[in-house]
Amino acid sequence: APLYNSFDTILYNIAQRVRNPLLHLLRNIPLGKHNIETNKGLSHLFNTVRTIVHSRTAESNKVPQDLLDVMLLEVDPETKSKLTEQEMIDNIATLLFAGHDTTAAALTWFSYLIAKTPEVGEKILNELNTKWGGKITIENMERSDYLNACTLELLRLYPSAGFTRSPTEDIQLGKYVIPKGADIMVLPVNVQRNEDYYENAKEFVPERWMNKQSKEQLGFQARLAKETLQNPLLPFSLGKRNCVGRPLALIEIRVVLLRLLQEFEFRLPSKPHPDFQDTPWMGLTAYPNHVCVEFIPKK
């Protein structure tokens, strides 16, 4: 699909800019294959979103049905102003772009982990069937201890993306000085696979989170927020500027996984791709390295 191809081009080329400072410095020059491809992809993305915004504006829904309706209807209580068309386009494009590849990568890695350890998939499905009669709802997922332990462990091993921060003052870090205003790229995967913080840090061990199950019986969203504060766990970054798509991503990942488990058996191919690696290629997202999983329909 053209929109998917645009996402793919933008993500890959921006990742190259992160790795190559020269490409980053030349990004505003509309010459060269790299910049032409990137600008073409961005134009297609924004034009698609602009068409959607125009169409929805013409409908004039009085009761919001989704996030775009909320943006169209929302009025700032202090200024009494609404979002401009460009602000809406920018917000929707950001949410589409940021939530596309990250969730897909997380589901790819989740599928790989279950194909690698099929007993995990059986336990997840057994919990759904015995505890909730096979019904997939947000409320049921929030109280599914084993499913959520597996999701936490997925996010620890394969966080979907890095994030940036800029210090508000100079920081002395050992023998290095990080100057105020510098762009810092944080890669959670390096922190979360560190043996100083987690025993068997490179292994998929959902039980590490089961043993820490809170007596408060928090829902999963609340528990993840608490674990993030108490552990070196940064899959959605931290602070006021953390990932706005976290709640939606966690719902999507678990719903899709459960539906796949209900319909398919997950298997690793007898011959993996020759370039397969079980660690992500870190660009803007934790891109799966030729991960292959076979989905066998259940009889």
Protein backbone atom coordinates (compact mmCIF):
# COMPACT_ATOMS: atom_id res chain seq x y z
CA ALA A 1 0.00 0.00 0.00
CA PRO A 2 1.32 3.50 -0.81
CA LEU A 3 0.90 4.78 2.77
CA TYR A 4 2.74 1.77 4.22
CA ASN A 5 5.56 2.26 1.69
CA SER A 6 5.79 5.91 2.72
CA PHE A 7 6.10 4.92 6.39
CA ASP A 8 8.81 2.41 5.52
CA THR A 9 10.81 4.93 3.49
CA ILE A 10 10.55 7.68 6.11
CA LEU A 11 11.55 5.41 8.98
CA TYR A 12 14.51 3.91 7.17
CA ASN A 13 15.86 7.22 5.88
CA ILE A 14 15.49 9.05 9.20
CA ALA A 15 17.27 6.14 10.89
CA GLN A 16 20.13 6.67 8.44
CA ARG A 17 20.26 10.32 9.47
CA VAL A 18 20.56 9.28 13.11
CA ARG A 19 23.51 7.05 12.24
CA ASN A 20 25.15 9.45 9.77
CA PRO A 21 25.55 13.07 10.98
CA LEU A 22 26.28 14.28 7.45
CA LEU A 23 22.86 13.15 6.21
CA HIS A 24 21.30 14.95 9.18
CA LEU A 25 23.13 18.20 8.36
CA LEU A 26 22.03 18.01 4.70
CA ARG A 27 18.39 17.10 5.45
CA ASN A 28 16.93 20.46 4.35
CA ILE A 29 18.60 20.43 0.94
CA PRO A 30 16.03 19.11 -1.61
CA LEU A 31 18.66 17.23 -3.61
CA GLY A 32 19.98 13.69 -3.64
CA LYS A 33 18.11 10.38 -3.62
CA HIS A 34 17.94 10.21 0.19
CA ASN A 35 16.25 13.60 0.68
CA ILE A 36 14.01 13.28 -2.38
CA GLU A 37 12.67 9.89 -1.20
CA THR A 38 12.14 11.16 2.35
CA ASN A 39 10.34 14.32 1.23
CA LYS A 40 8.15 12.33 -1.16
CA GLY A 41 7.14 9.96 1.65
CA LEU A 42 6.41 12.84 4.03
CA SER A 43 4.32 14.62 1.39
CA HIS A 44 2.24 11.50 0.81
CA LEU A 45 1.72 11.03 4.57
CA PHE A 46 0.63 14.63 5.18
CA ASN A 47 -1.57 14.78 2.07
CA THR A 48 -3.35 11.59 3.17
CA VAL A 49 -3.97 13.02 6.64
CA ARG A 50 -5.08 16.35 5.18
CA THR A 51 -7.69 14.57 3.05
CA ILE A 52 -9.00 12.75 6.13
CA VAL A 53 -9.22 16.00 8.14
CA HIS A 54 -11.07 17.78 5.31
CA SER A 55 -13.52 14.90 4.98
CA ARG A 56 -14.21 14.76 8.71
CA THR A 57 -14.58 18.54 8.98
CA ALA A 58 -17.36 18.39 6.38
CA GLU A 59 -19.24 15.79 8.45
CA SER A 60 -19.41 18.06 11.53
CA ASN A 61 -20.11 15.38 14.15
CA LYS A 62 -21.59 16.89 17.31
CA VAL A 63 -20.62 13.92 19.47
CA PRO A 64 -16.95 12.86 19.18
CA GLN A 65 -16.47 9.34 17.85
CA ASP A 66 -12.67 9.27 17.90
CA LEU A 67 -9.57 11.37 18.53
CA LEU A 68 -9.94 13.42 15.35
CA ASP A 69 -13.50 14.39 16.32
CA VAL A 70 -12.19 15.49 19.72
CA MET A 71 -9.58 17.68 18.04
CA LEU A 72 -12.21 19.22 15.78
CA LEU A 73 -14.60 20.00 18.64
CA GLU A 74 -12.21 20.86 21.47
CA VAL A 75 -12.00 24.49 22.59
CA ASP A 76 -9.20 25.81 24.79
CA PRO A 77 -10.89 26.91 28.06
CA GLU A 78 -8.56 29.91 28.45
CA THR A 79 -8.18 31.28 24.92
CA LYS A 80 -11.52 29.94 23.57
CA SER A 81 -9.65 28.99 20.40
CA LYS A 82 -9.67 25.71 18.48
CA LEU A 83 -6.80 23.80 16.96
CA THR A 84 -5.83 25.06 13.52
CA GLU A 85 -6.09 22.70 10.58
CA GLN A 86 -2.29 22.40 10.41
CA GLU A 87 -2.09 21.57 14.14
CA MET A 88 -4.64 18.78 13.67
CA ILE A 89 -2.79 17.44 10.63
CA ASP A 90 0.53 17.49 12.49
CA ASN A 91 -0.94 15.72 15.53
CA ILE A 92 -2.69 12.99 13.52
CA ALA A 93 0.36 12.41 11.31
CA THR A 94 2.55 12.09 14.40
CA LEU A 95 0.23 9.56 16.02
CA LEU A 96 -0.06 7.52 12.81
CA PHE A 97 3.66 7.60 12.16
CA ALA A 98 4.81 6.89 15.72
CA GLY A 99 2.27 4.14 16.35
CA HIS A 100 2.64 2.22 13.10
CA ASP A 101 6.05 0.56 13.09
CA THR A 102 6.48 0.36 16.86
CA THR A 103 3.39 -1.77 17.48
CA ALA A 104 4.13 -3.95 14.45
CA ALA A 105 7.67 -4.55 15.71
CA ALA A 106 6.42 -5.45 19.20
CA LEU A 107 3.92 -7.96 17.78
CA THR A 108 6.59 -9.49 15.56
CA TRP A 109 8.89 -10.05 18.53
CA PHE A 110 6.01 -11.34 20.68
CA SER A 111 5.12 -13.87 17.98
CA TYR A 112 8.76 -14.94 17.73
CA LEU A 113 9.06 -15.43 21.51
CA ILE A 114 5.92 -17.58 21.64
CA ALA A 115 7.02 -19.65 18.64
CA LYS A 116 10.34 -20.15 20.42
CA THR A 117 8.66 -21.08 23.74
CA PRO A 118 5.25 -22.58 22.80
CA GLU A 119 4.42 -23.41 26.42
CA VAL A 120 4.16 -19.65 27.02
CA GLY A 121 1.44 -19.31 24.39
CA GLU A 122 -0.42 -22.27 25.89
CA LYS A 123 -0.33 -20.69 29.36
CA ILE A 124 -1.57 -17.34 28.03
CA LEU A 125 -4.47 -19.00 26.22
CA ASN A 126 -5.26 -21.23 29.19
CA GLU A 127 -5.47 -18.17 31.45
CA LEU A 128 -7.86 -16.48 29.01
CA ASN A 129 -10.08 -19.57 28.77
CA THR A 130 -10.16 -20.61 32.44
CA LYS A 131 -10.32 -17.15 33.97
CA TRP A 132 -12.43 -15.28 31.44
CA GLY A 133 -14.18 -17.93 29.34
CA GLY A 134 -12.17 -16.95 26.27
CA LYS A 135 -13.64 -13.42 26.21
CA ILE A 136 -11.16 -10.74 25.17
CA THR A 137 -12.06 -7.43 26.80
CA ILE A 138 -9.95 -4.59 28.14
CA GLU A 139 -11.14 -5.35 31.67
CA ASN A 140 -10.21 -9.03 31.37
CA MET A 141 -6.79 -8.24 29.92
CA GLU A 142 -6.01 -5.78 32.70
CA ARG A 143 -6.45 -8.62 35.25
CA SER A 144 -4.68 -11.36 33.28
CA ASP A 145 -1.55 -11.81 35.37
CA TYR A 146 0.41 -14.14 33.10
CA LEU A 147 -0.46 -12.30 29.87
CA ASN A 148 0.68 -9.06 31.46
CA ALA A 149 3.87 -10.58 32.86
CA CYS A 150 4.69 -11.78 29.32
CA THR A 151 3.94 -8.32 27.94
CA LEU A 152 6.22 -6.68 30.50
CA GLU A 153 8.99 -9.12 29.61
CA LEU A 154 8.46 -8.46 25.89
CA LEU A 155 8.77 -4.72 26.50
CA ARG A 156 11.92 -5.29 28.56
CA LEU A 157 13.66 -7.48 25.96
CA TYR A 158 12.39 -5.69 22.86
CA PRO A 159 11.45 -2.06 23.60
CA SER A 160 10.07 -0.69 20.36
CA ALA A 161 12.03 2.54 20.11
CA GLY A 162 14.57 4.85 21.65
CA PHE A 163 13.88 8.40 22.68
CA THR A 164 15.70 11.72 22.95
CA ARG A 165 16.28 14.14 25.77
CA SER A 166 18.12 17.47 26.12
CA PRO A 167 19.70 18.41 29.48
CA THR A 168 18.70 21.79 30.92
CA GLU A 169 22.21 22.27 32.32
CA ASP A 170 25.70 20.83 31.83
CA ILE A 171 26.04 17.31 33.26
CA GLN A 172 29.28 15.69 34.41
CA LEU A 173 29.02 11.96 33.68
CA GLY A 174 32.23 10.29 34.78
CA LYS A 175 35.00 11.83 32.67
CA TYR A 176 32.53 13.20 30.12
CA VAL A 177 30.61 16.46 30.06
CA ILE A 178 27.19 16.49 28.40
CA PRO A 179 26.55 20.14 27.51
CA LYS A 180 23.27 21.90 28.11
CA GLY A 181 20.92 21.56 25.14
CA ALA A 182 22.70 18.58 23.58
CA ASP A 183 20.55 15.95 21.85
CA ILE A 184 20.86 12.66 23.75
CA MET A 185 19.60 9.41 22.24
CA VAL A 186 18.51 6.90 24.87
CA LEU A 187 18.31 3.22 23.86
CA PRO A 188 16.23 1.35 26.48
CA VAL A 189 17.32 -2.02 25.07
CA ASN A 190 20.86 -1.44 26.36
CA VAL A 191 19.59 -0.64 29.85
CA GLN A 192 16.98 -3.37 30.02
CA ARG A 193 19.34 -6.15 28.90
CA ASN A 194 22.02 -5.17 31.40
CA GLU A 195 22.98 -8.03 33.77
CA ASP A 196 23.59 -5.45 36.52
CA TYR A 197 19.85 -4.85 36.66
CA TYR A 198 18.23 -8.14 35.64
CA GLU A 199 19.27 -11.73 36.26
CA ASN A 200 19.45 -13.66 32.97
CA ALA A 201 18.88 -10.32 31.31
CA LYS A 202 19.00 -11.64 27.75
CA GLU A 203 16.50 -14.45 28.41
CA PHE A 204 12.70 -14.33 28.10
CA VAL A 205 11.56 -14.98 31.68
CA PRO A 206 7.97 -13.74 32.27
CA GLU A 207 8.03 -15.25 35.77
CA ARG A 208 10.35 -12.48 36.96
CA TRP A 209 7.29 -10.21 36.88
CA MET A 210 4.90 -12.80 38.33
CA ASN A 211 7.06 -13.00 41.44
CA LYS A 212 6.70 -9.25 41.87
CA GLN A 213 2.92 -9.23 41.48
CA SER A 214 1.59 -6.36 43.55
CA LYS A 215 -0.72 -7.07 46.46
CA GLU A 216 -2.65 -3.98 45.38
CA GLN A 217 -3.92 -5.93 42.33
CA LEU A 218 -3.36 -2.97 40.05
CA GLY A 219 -4.65 -3.01 36.49
CA PHE A 220 -1.90 -3.49 33.92
CA GLN A 221 -1.69 0.14 32.82
CA ALA A 222 -1.25 1.31 36.42
CA ARG A 223 1.16 -1.50 37.19
CA LEU A 224 3.38 -0.70 34.21
CA ALA A 225 3.57 2.92 35.36
CA LYS A 226 4.60 1.74 38.83
CA GLU A 227 7.18 -0.78 37.54
CA THR A 228 8.67 1.92 35.31
CA LEU A 229 9.33 4.09 38.36
CA GLN A 230 10.75 1.23 40.45
CA ASN A 231 12.89 -0.56 37.83
CA PRO A 232 15.18 0.23 34.89
CA LEU A 233 12.21 -0.23 32.53
CA LEU A 234 11.81 2.47 29.89
CA PRO A 235 9.83 1.07 26.93
CA PHE A 236 7.69 4.20 26.65
CA SER A 237 10.26 6.65 28.08
CA LEU A 238 9.51 8.62 31.26
CA GLY A 239 8.14 11.91 32.51
CA LYS A 240 5.56 14.32 31.18
CA ARG A 241 6.72 13.77 27.60
CA ASN A 242 6.46 9.99 27.65
CA CYS A 243 4.73 8.11 24.85
CA VAL A 244 1.19 9.41 24.36
CA GLY A 245 0.27 6.19 22.53
CA ARG A 246 1.16 3.84 25.39
CA PRO A 247 -2.42 2.88 26.43
CA LEU A 248 -3.48 2.20 22.83
CA ALA A 249 -0.30 0.26 22.04
CA LEU A 250 -0.74 -2.02 25.07
CA ILE A 251 -4.34 -2.75 24.11
CA GLU A 252 -3.45 -3.43 20.46
CA ILE A 253 -0.53 -5.73 21.27
CA ARG A 254 -2.51 -7.91 23.68
CA VAL A 255 -5.75 -8.05 21.67
CA VAL A 256 -3.99 -9.03 18.43
CA LEU A 257 -1.82 -11.59 20.22
CA LEU A 258 -4.79 -13.24 21.94
CA ARG A 259 -6.79 -13.42 18.71
CA LEU A 260 -3.83 -14.99 16.91
CA LEU A 261 -3.37 -17.51 19.72
CA GLN A 262 -7.04 -18.47 19.48
CA GLU A 263 -6.75 -19.18 15.76
CA PHE A 264 -3.16 -20.30 15.11
CA GLU A 265 -0.23 -22.28 16.39
CA PHE A 266 3.05 -20.35 16.28
CA ARG A 267 6.12 -22.15 14.92
CA LEU A 268 9.65 -21.21 13.97
CA PRO A 269 10.57 -22.24 10.41
CA SER A 270 12.83 -25.27 10.04
CA LYS A 271 15.32 -23.04 8.23
CA PRO A 272 15.52 -19.48 9.57
CA HIS A 273 16.41 -16.61 7.26
CA PRO A 274 20.20 -16.58 6.69
CA ASP A 275 20.42 -13.00 8.01
CA PHE A 276 18.20 -13.62 11.06
CA GLN A 277 19.30 -12.15 14.40
CA ASP A 278 17.34 -12.33 17.63
CA THR A 279 18.41 -8.82 18.60
CA PRO A 280 16.73 -5.80 17.01
CA TRP A 281 18.32 -3.51 14.46
CA MET A 282 18.05 -0.14 16.18
CA GLY A 283 16.99 2.65 13.90
CA LEU A 284 14.14 4.85 15.07
CA THR A 285 12.44 1.61 16.08
CA ALA A 286 13.63 -1.84 17.15
CA TYR A 287 13.35 -3.27 13.66
CA PRO A 288 13.10 -7.10 13.58
CA ASN A 289 16.10 -8.65 11.84
CA HIS A 290 14.51 -11.04 9.32
CA VAL A 291 12.31 -12.63 11.98
CA CYS A 292 10.18 -15.42 10.48
CA VAL A 293 7.24 -17.12 12.21
CA GLU A 294 4.85 -19.68 10.74
CA PHE A 295 1.17 -19.41 11.70
CA ILE A 296 -0.56 -22.80 11.43
CA PRO A 297 -4.40 -22.68 11.54
CA LYS A 298 -5.83 -24.70 14.40
CA LYS A 299 -8.19 -27.50 13.47
